């Protein structure tokens, strides 16, 4: 059920971007949000004929995820949510 709703959100999203002279392009915000692509996300690029296929690599932690996981289980005490954020943010 979840996958079906997720897929519906992506259906029909067709955006154009421009490739810079360095080979860079911008992933449209709707696509980034729908797929959970954040800075540090690893993407896999391949081709199928004249089509470019880009996939979000799973199982690879970006810097934000690594930071959060490194702090997991370290909260000792009665801090507020704001206090906890101040304590754990770099």
Protein backbone atom coordinates (compact mmCIF):
# COMPACT_ATOMS: atom_id res chain seq x y z
CA UNK A 1 0.00 0.00 0.00
CA UNK A 2 2.73 2.49 0.98
CA UNK A 3 4.75 1.77 -2.18
CA UNK A 4 1.66 2.30 -4.33
CA UNK A 5 1.00 5.76 -2.76
CA UNK A 6 4.71 6.63 -3.01
CA UNK A 7 4.77 5.66 -6.66
CA UNK A 8 1.70 7.78 -7.37
CA UNK A 9 3.51 10.84 -5.98
CA UNK A 10 6.32 10.30 -8.48
CA UNK A 11 4.16 9.49 -11.49
CA UNK A 12 4.17 12.26 -14.04
CA UNK A 13 7.01 14.29 -12.54
CA UNK A 14 8.97 15.42 -15.56
CA UNK A 15 11.30 18.36 -15.15
CA UNK A 16 14.04 19.80 -17.30
CA UNK A 17 17.43 20.80 -15.93
CA UNK A 18 20.57 22.14 -17.54
CA UNK A 19 23.98 20.50 -17.26
CA UNK A 20 26.79 22.95 -16.42
CA UNK A 21 30.20 22.94 -18.12
CA UNK A 22 31.42 20.91 -15.11
CA UNK A 23 28.75 18.25 -15.70
CA UNK A 24 26.58 19.27 -12.74
CA UNK A 25 22.80 19.55 -12.70
CA UNK A 26 20.11 20.19 -10.09
CA UNK A 27 17.64 17.52 -9.03
CA UNK A 28 14.18 19.14 -8.94
CA UNK A 29 12.85 19.73 -5.41
CA UNK A 30 9.72 17.61 -5.90
CA UNK A 31 11.86 14.63 -6.84
CA UNK A 32 14.33 15.22 -3.97
CA UNK A 33 11.49 15.44 -1.46
CA UNK A 34 9.62 12.42 -2.83
CA UNK A 35 12.75 10.26 -2.67
CA UNK A 36 14.25 11.73 0.49
CA UNK A 37 17.39 12.92 -1.27
CA UNK A 38 19.38 15.22 1.04
CA UNK A 39 22.94 16.55 0.90
CA UNK A 40 25.30 13.59 1.12
CA UNK A 41 22.88 11.08 -0.43
CA UNK A 42 24.71 8.70 -2.75
CA UNK A 43 23.23 8.29 -6.23
CA UNK A 44 24.04 5.52 -8.71
CA UNK A 45 24.15 6.48 -12.38
CA UNK A 46 23.80 4.09 -15.31
CA UNK A 47 22.55 4.09 -18.88
CA UNK A 48 20.01 1.99 -20.74
CA UNK A 49 20.39 2.78 -24.42
CA UNK A 50 20.08 6.57 -24.66
CA UNK A 51 18.34 6.88 -21.26
CA UNK A 52 20.16 7.93 -18.08
CA UNK A 53 18.99 6.03 -15.00
CA UNK A 54 19.67 7.49 -11.55
CA UNK A 55 18.96 5.49 -8.40
CA UNK A 56 19.26 6.43 -4.75
CA UNK A 57 21.78 4.03 -3.22
CA UNK A 58 20.38 2.36 -0.15
CA UNK A 59 22.35 1.20 2.84
CA UNK A 60 24.80 4.13 2.69
CA UNK A 61 24.63 6.69 5.49
CA UNK A 62 25.17 10.35 4.70
CA UNK A 63 26.94 12.67 7.18
CA UNK A 64 23.71 13.74 8.92
CA UNK A 65 22.61 10.14 9.43
CA UNK A 66 26.08 9.19 10.71
CA UNK A 67 25.98 12.07 13.19
CA UNK A 68 22.53 11.10 14.50
CA UNK A 69 23.47 7.44 14.82
CA UNK A 70 26.72 8.28 16.61
CA UNK A 71 24.64 10.04 19.29
CA UNK A 72 22.03 7.28 19.63
CA UNK A 73 21.78 6.06 23.20
CA UNK A 74 23.98 8.84 24.60
CA UNK A 75 21.18 10.96 26.07
CA UNK A 76 21.46 10.72 29.84
CA UNK A 77 19.35 13.09 31.87
CA UNK A 78 16.24 15.16 31.67
CA UNK A 79 16.84 17.63 28.87
CA UNK A 80 14.13 19.33 26.89
CA UNK A 81 13.95 18.70 23.17
CA UNK A 82 15.65 22.05 22.56
CA UNK A 83 18.34 21.26 25.11
CA UNK A 84 18.97 17.90 23.45
CA UNK A 85 19.29 19.54 20.03
CA UNK A 86 21.76 22.10 21.38
CA UNK A 87 23.79 19.31 22.95
CA UNK A 88 23.93 17.10 19.87
CA UNK A 89 24.28 19.59 17.02
CA UNK A 90 27.85 20.18 15.83
